[in-house]
Amino acid sequence: MTALPALQAALTGGAAARQRIVPMGPLLAGVLPSVARGTTISCEGAAPVAAALAVAAGPSRSGAWVGVAGQASLGLQAAAEAGVALERLVAVHRPPAVAVHRPPAVATDVTATGHRAHPAHLAHLAHPAHLATRPAATSDSDLRGEAERWAEVLAVMVDGFDVVLAGSATRALRPAAARRLQARVQSRGVVLVTIGAHPAFAADVRLDTTVLGWVGLGEGHGLALARHLDLHAHGRRVPRPRRQTVLTPQLQLAWASQPWPAQQAEPEPAPEPAPEPAAVLASAG
């Protein structure tokens, strides 16, 4: 009987350890099969957006909510092709013109499935009024104000989302604000992904990408269906560096393997019939 409490403690500790691990999708199975909650991943190289979407795809398909801040070039079709569940994706392309106030009942508890409660209270961040085009920040005060608003947006996302993608527009964050955000990421158990090198955040894992070639392109013709990427994962949270070549997006593999329908050539006009010999002699006479 004395061994029963020790066994229960071991089982409880094992379950808690599993909840701290976030599995990645099949595209990253060879280089980054899983990460611990609270990890910061920097996606760099020639295809940082594709790498960031690959990181978000696995948790998203498992029920996690994904927030994207400051990446206006992110397309919903690209996210869907990467495997991200669009019904659990919220994107904020531009920071709100006014300060973001977090509601007092922000959901920070993790449910039994390991995911946060429904972040419906964060949907106001993606309101079209916040995405409207505004004059770009030019003065130092404007840049500081925009950096502070991005810090507020990211703080709200960290409080309510499982995976947060920080886009290129958030690189204006001050180092002090970034340190506070990373401390919040670690305490909340969120996976933070930076799209491109982010000077303010200290990355635990770095995912470098190199484009090796395209599928579907010929010499002067064809349609780009997918591309071969070289993925290289390394960093202080990676036991040993790993490298793998993948084809992305994977949802187009079946399409790419099928032959492209050949264009039917227009029928050539029928040759004119030769004139009769009598008609030739008559015209000659």
Protein backbone atom coordinates (compact mmCIF):
# COMPACT_ATOMS: atom_id res chain seq x y z
CA MET A 1 0.00 0.00 0.00
CA THR A 2 2.88 2.34 0.60
CA ALA A 3 3.78 2.18 -3.11
CA LEU A 4 0.31 3.37 -4.20
CA PRO A 5 0.85 7.09 -3.44
CA ALA A 6 4.19 7.00 -5.27
CA LEU A 7 2.54 5.35 -8.28
CA GLN A 8 -0.25 7.92 -8.31
CA ALA A 9 2.27 10.74 -8.13
CA ALA A 10 4.24 9.25 -11.00
CA LEU A 11 1.13 8.89 -13.17
CA THR A 12 0.03 12.44 -12.35
CA GLY A 13 3.47 13.78 -13.19
CA GLY A 14 3.50 11.90 -16.48
CA ALA A 15 0.10 13.30 -17.47
CA ALA A 16 1.21 16.82 -16.55
CA ALA A 17 4.37 16.40 -18.61
CA ARG A 18 2.33 15.30 -21.64
CA GLN A 19 0.11 18.38 -21.29
CA ARG A 20 3.22 20.57 -21.43
CA ILE A 21 4.17 19.11 -24.84
CA VAL A 22 2.65 20.50 -28.04
CA PRO A 23 2.84 18.08 -31.02
CA MET A 24 3.64 19.59 -34.39
CA GLY A 25 2.07 18.64 -37.71
CA PRO A 26 3.26 15.97 -40.18
CA LEU A 27 5.29 18.47 -42.21
CA LEU A 28 7.65 19.02 -39.26
CA ALA A 29 7.71 15.42 -38.01
CA GLY A 30 11.29 14.90 -39.18
CA VAL A 31 12.81 18.09 -37.77
CA LEU A 32 10.55 19.33 -34.95
CA PRO A 33 8.02 16.68 -33.87
CA SER A 34 6.99 18.57 -30.72
CA VAL A 35 7.84 21.57 -28.54
CA ALA A 36 7.26 22.44 -24.91
CA ARG A 37 4.67 25.00 -23.95
CA GLY A 38 6.20 28.42 -23.45
CA THR A 39 8.64 27.97 -26.35
CA THR A 40 9.56 30.81 -28.73
CA ILE A 41 10.22 29.65 -32.31
CA SER A 42 11.88 31.91 -34.88
CA CYS A 43 11.02 31.05 -38.51
CA GLU A 44 13.63 32.51 -40.84
CA GLY A 45 15.10 32.11 -44.29
CA ALA A 46 13.41 32.16 -47.69
CA ALA A 47 9.96 30.95 -46.55
CA PRO A 48 9.31 32.14 -42.98
CA VAL A 49 5.53 32.41 -43.45
CA ALA A 50 5.28 28.82 -44.69
CA ALA A 51 7.36 27.61 -41.74
CA ALA A 52 5.23 29.54 -39.25
CA LEU A 53 2.02 28.12 -40.73
CA ALA A 54 3.53 24.63 -40.55
CA VAL A 55 4.19 25.17 -36.84
CA ALA A 56 0.61 26.36 -36.25
CA ALA A 57 -1.05 23.64 -38.34
CA GLY A 58 -0.57 20.73 -35.93
CA PRO A 59 -1.93 22.45 -32.80
CA SER A 60 -4.71 24.09 -34.81
CA ARG A 61 -5.98 20.76 -36.15
CA SER A 62 -5.93 19.43 -32.58
CA GLY A 63 -8.26 22.18 -31.36
CA ALA A 64 -5.88 25.02 -30.50
CA TRP A 65 -6.63 28.66 -31.30
CA VAL A 66 -4.09 30.58 -33.37
CA GLY A 67 -3.58 34.35 -33.35
CA VAL A 68 -1.60 36.24 -35.99
CA ALA A 69 -0.43 39.81 -35.36
CA GLY A 70 1.18 42.13 -37.89
CA GLN A 71 1.46 39.98 -41.02
CA ALA A 72 -0.73 41.60 -43.67
CA SER A 73 0.65 39.33 -46.42
CA LEU A 74 -0.76 36.22 -44.75
CA GLY A 75 -3.48 34.73 -46.96
CA LEU A 76 -6.32 32.56 -45.71
CA GLN A 77 -5.95 30.18 -48.64
CA ALA A 78 -2.27 29.67 -47.81
CA ALA A 79 -3.17 29.04 -44.18
CA ALA A 80 -5.83 26.51 -45.15
CA GLU A 81 -3.45 24.72 -47.55
CA ALA A 82 -0.88 24.51 -44.75
CA GLY A 83 -3.43 22.74 -42.56
CA VAL A 84 -4.54 25.57 -40.24
CA ALA A 85 -8.19 25.40 -39.18
CA LEU A 86 -9.57 28.76 -40.30
CA GLU A 87 -12.45 28.59 -37.83
CA ARG A 88 -9.86 28.91 -35.02
CA LEU A 89 -7.70 31.59 -36.62
CA VAL A 90 -7.79 35.31 -35.75
CA ALA A 91 -5.54 37.76 -37.62
CA VAL A 92 -4.87 41.42 -36.79
CA HIS A 93 -3.10 43.13 -39.68
CA ARG A 94 -2.84 46.60 -38.09
CA PRO A 95 -2.90 47.67 -34.46
CA PRO A 96 -6.03 49.43 -33.18
CA ALA A 97 -5.92 53.21 -33.22
CA VAL A 98 -6.66 53.26 -29.48
CA ALA A 99 -5.30 51.25 -26.60
CA VAL A 100 -6.51 47.70 -26.21
CA HIS A 101 -8.13 47.05 -22.84
CA ARG A 102 -8.11 43.45 -21.69
CA PRO A 103 -11.42 42.39 -20.12
CA PRO A 104 -11.22 41.36 -16.47
CA ALA A 105 -12.41 37.81 -17.25
CA VAL A 106 -9.68 36.89 -19.70
CA ALA A 107 -9.53 33.11 -20.06
CA THR A 108 -6.17 31.89 -18.87
CA ASP A 109 -7.09 28.44 -17.56
CA VAL A 110 -6.23 25.40 -19.64
CA THR A 111 -9.07 22.98 -20.27
CA ALA A 112 -8.88 19.24 -19.85
CA THR A 113 -7.84 18.83 -23.49
CA GLY A 114 -4.88 21.13 -22.94
CA HIS A 115 -6.35 24.08 -24.84
CA ARG A 116 -7.62 27.41 -23.66
CA ALA A 117 -11.24 28.36 -23.40
CA HIS A 118 -13.00 29.89 -26.40
CA PRO A 119 -11.40 33.33 -27.00
CA ALA A 120 -14.54 34.94 -28.40
CA HIS A 121 -13.83 38.05 -26.34
CA LEU A 122 -10.75 38.64 -28.54
CA ALA A 123 -12.69 38.77 -31.81
CA HIS A 124 -12.97 42.57 -31.56
CA LEU A 125 -9.28 42.80 -32.43
CA ALA A 126 -10.00 41.60 -35.97
CA HIS A 127 -12.85 44.06 -36.55
CA PRO A 128 -12.63 45.65 -40.03
CA ALA A 129 -12.26 49.08 -38.42
CA HIS A 130 -8.95 47.94 -36.96
CA LEU A 131 -7.79 46.70 -40.36
CA ALA A 132 -8.53 49.94 -42.20
CA THR A 133 -5.67 51.67 -43.94
CA ARG A 134 -4.13 54.48 -41.91
CA PRO A 135 -1.16 56.73 -42.62
CA ALA A 136 2.10 54.97 -41.91
CA ALA A 137 3.97 55.97 -38.77
CA THR A 138 6.73 58.41 -39.62
CA SER A 139 7.83 60.29 -36.51
CA ASP A 140 9.56 58.74 -33.52
CA SER A 141 6.47 59.32 -31.38
CA ASP A 142 4.27 57.56 -33.94
CA LEU A 143 6.65 54.60 -34.06
CA ARG A 144 6.71 54.37 -30.27
CA GLY A 145 2.93 54.53 -30.14
CA GLU A 146 2.57 51.80 -32.77
CA ALA A 147 5.07 49.59 -30.94
CA GLU A 148 3.12 50.00 -27.71
CA ARG A 149 -0.16 49.09 -29.44
CA TRP A 150 1.42 45.97 -30.94
CA ALA A 151 2.66 45.02 -27.48
CA GLU A 152 -0.90 45.35 -26.18
CA VAL A 153 -2.31 43.26 -29.02
CA LEU A 154 0.25 40.51 -28.42
CA ALA A 155 -0.42 40.58 -24.68
CA VAL A 156 -4.15 40.06 -25.29
CA MET A 157 -3.41 37.20 -27.71
CA VAL A 158 -1.04 35.52 -25.25
CA ASP A 159 -3.81 35.65 -22.63
CA GLY A 160 -6.35 33.89 -24.85
CA PHE A 161 -4.65 31.87 -27.58
CA ASP A 162 -2.57 28.69 -27.64
CA VAL A 163 -0.28 29.67 -30.55
CA VAL A 164 0.63 33.28 -31.37
CA LEU A 165 2.37 34.33 -34.59
CA ALA A 166 4.22 37.67 -34.43
CA GLY A 167 4.58 39.13 -37.93
CA SER A 168 7.04 41.54 -39.45
CA ALA A 169 5.08 44.61 -38.31
CA THR A 170 5.76 43.74 -34.66
CA ARG A 171 9.53 44.08 -35.01
CA ALA A 172 9.26 47.63 -33.67
CA LEU A 173 8.65 46.24 -30.17
CA ARG A 174 10.92 47.62 -27.47
CA PRO A 175 13.23 45.07 -25.81
CA ALA A 176 11.64 45.68 -22.40
CA ALA A 177 8.14 45.02 -23.78
CA ALA A 178 9.38 41.90 -25.56
CA ARG A 179 10.91 40.55 -22.33
CA ARG A 180 7.62 41.06 -20.51
CA LEU A 181 5.76 39.30 -23.31
CA GLN A 182 8.11 36.33 -23.28
CA ALA A 183 7.73 35.99 -19.53
CA ARG A 184 3.97 36.00 -20.08
CA VAL A 185 4.34 33.39 -22.84
CA GLN A 186 6.23 31.07 -20.51
CA SER A 187 3.82 31.52 -17.61
CA ARG A 188 0.74 30.96 -19.81
CA GLY A 189 2.25 28.02 -21.69
CA VAL A 190 1.78 29.61 -25.12
CA VAL A 191 3.85 28.80 -28.21
CA LEU A 192 5.17 32.07 -29.68
CA VAL A 193 6.25 32.02 -33.34
CA THR A 194 8.05 34.93 -34.97
CA ILE A 195 7.78 35.31 -38.75
CA GLY A 196 11.31 36.27 -39.73
CA ALA A 197 14.14 37.26 -37.43
CA HIS A 198 12.76 39.28 -34.51
CA PRO A 199 15.50 41.28 -32.76
CA ALA A 200 13.49 41.81 -29.57
CA PHE A 201 12.63 38.17 -28.82
CA ALA A 202 15.11 35.52 -27.67
CA ALA A 203 14.32 32.39 -29.69
CA ASP A 204 14.44 28.94 -28.09
CA VAL A 205 14.17 27.18 -31.47
CA ARG A 206 15.21 28.47 -34.87
CA LEU A 207 13.64 27.02 -38.01
CA ASP A 208 15.60 28.01 -41.13
CA THR A 209 14.09 27.53 -44.59
CA THR A 210 15.63 27.31 -48.07
CA VAL A 211 13.66 26.96 -51.30
CA LEU A 212 15.19 24.16 -53.39
CA GLY A 213 12.76 24.19 -56.31
CA TRP A 214 9.18 24.40 -57.50
CA VAL A 215 6.72 21.76 -58.70
CA GLY A 216 4.71 22.48 -61.83
CA LEU A 217 6.96 25.09 -63.44
CA GLY A 218 8.61 24.49 -66.79
CA GLU A 219 10.71 26.68 -69.06
CA GLY A 220 8.35 29.53 -69.82
CA HIS A 221 5.16 27.63 -68.97
CA GLY A 222 3.38 25.82 -66.15
CA LEU A 223 1.74 26.66 -62.84
CA ALA A 224 3.50 26.66 -59.44
CA LEU A 225 1.69 24.00 -57.42
CA ALA A 226 4.15 23.37 -54.58
CA ARG A 227 7.78 23.87 -53.62
CA HIS A 228 10.55 21.83 -52.11
CA LEU A 229 11.79 23.34 -48.84
CA ASP A 230 14.89 22.50 -46.86
CA LEU A 231 14.04 22.79 -43.14
CA HIS A 232 16.78 23.11 -40.53
CA ALA A 233 15.78 23.12 -36.85
CA HIS A 234 18.31 24.08 -34.21
CA GLY A 235 18.57 26.04 -30.97
CA ARG A 236 18.82 25.64 -27.23
CA ARG A 237 15.52 23.69 -27.02
CA VAL A 238 16.58 21.26 -29.78
CA PRO A 239 18.76 18.36 -28.51
CA ARG A 240 20.56 18.08 -31.84
CA PRO A 241 20.13 19.99 -35.12
CA ARG A 242 17.88 18.30 -37.65
CA ARG A 243 17.42 18.87 -41.37
CA GLN A 244 14.81 17.57 -43.79
CA THR A 245 13.49 18.33 -47.28
CA VAL A 246 9.70 18.59 -47.53
CA LEU A 247 7.13 19.42 -50.19
CA THR A 248 4.68 22.17 -49.30
CA PRO A 249 1.77 22.65 -49.43
CA GLN A 250 1.05 18.99 -48.82
CA LEU A 251 -2.65 19.31 -49.64
CA GLN A 252 -1.72 19.70 -53.31
CA LEU A 253 0.29 16.49 -53.57
CA ALA A 254 -2.59 14.53 -55.12
CA TRP A 255 -3.25 17.38 -57.52
CA ALA A 256 0.41 17.72 -58.45
CA SER A 257 0.74 13.99 -59.11
CA GLN A 258 -2.02 14.01 -61.69
CA PRO A 259 -1.13 14.93 -65.26
CA TRP A 260 -2.20 18.37 -66.35
CA PRO A 261 -5.02 18.09 -68.92
CA ALA A 262 -3.56 18.67 -72.37
CA GLN A 263 -5.08 21.46 -74.41
CA GLN A 264 -6.96 20.13 -77.40
CA ALA A 265 -5.56 21.40 -80.64
CA GLU A 266 -7.94 23.08 -83.07
CA PRO A 267 -8.71 20.87 -86.08
CA GLU A 268 -6.78 21.83 -89.18
CA PRO A 269 -8.90 23.09 -92.06
CA ALA A 270 -9.62 20.49 -94.74
CA PRO A 271 -7.57 20.93 -97.95
CA GLU A 272 -9.40 22.37 -100.94
CA PRO A 273 -10.35 19.74 -103.52
CA ALA A 274 -8.21 19.61 -106.68
CA PRO A 275 -9.86 21.07 -109.79
CA GLU A 276 -11.25 18.69 -112.39
CA PRO A 277 -9.03 18.11 -115.48
CA ALA A 278 -11.72 19.36 -117.86
CA ALA A 279 -12.02 22.62 -115.95
CA VAL A 280 -8.25 23.06 -116.14
CA LEU A 281 -8.21 22.57 -119.95
CA ALA A 282 -11.12 24.95 -120.42
CA SER A 283 -9.43 27.69 -118.48
CA ALA A 284 -6.19 27.10 -120.39
CA GLY A 285 -7.90 27.38 -123.80
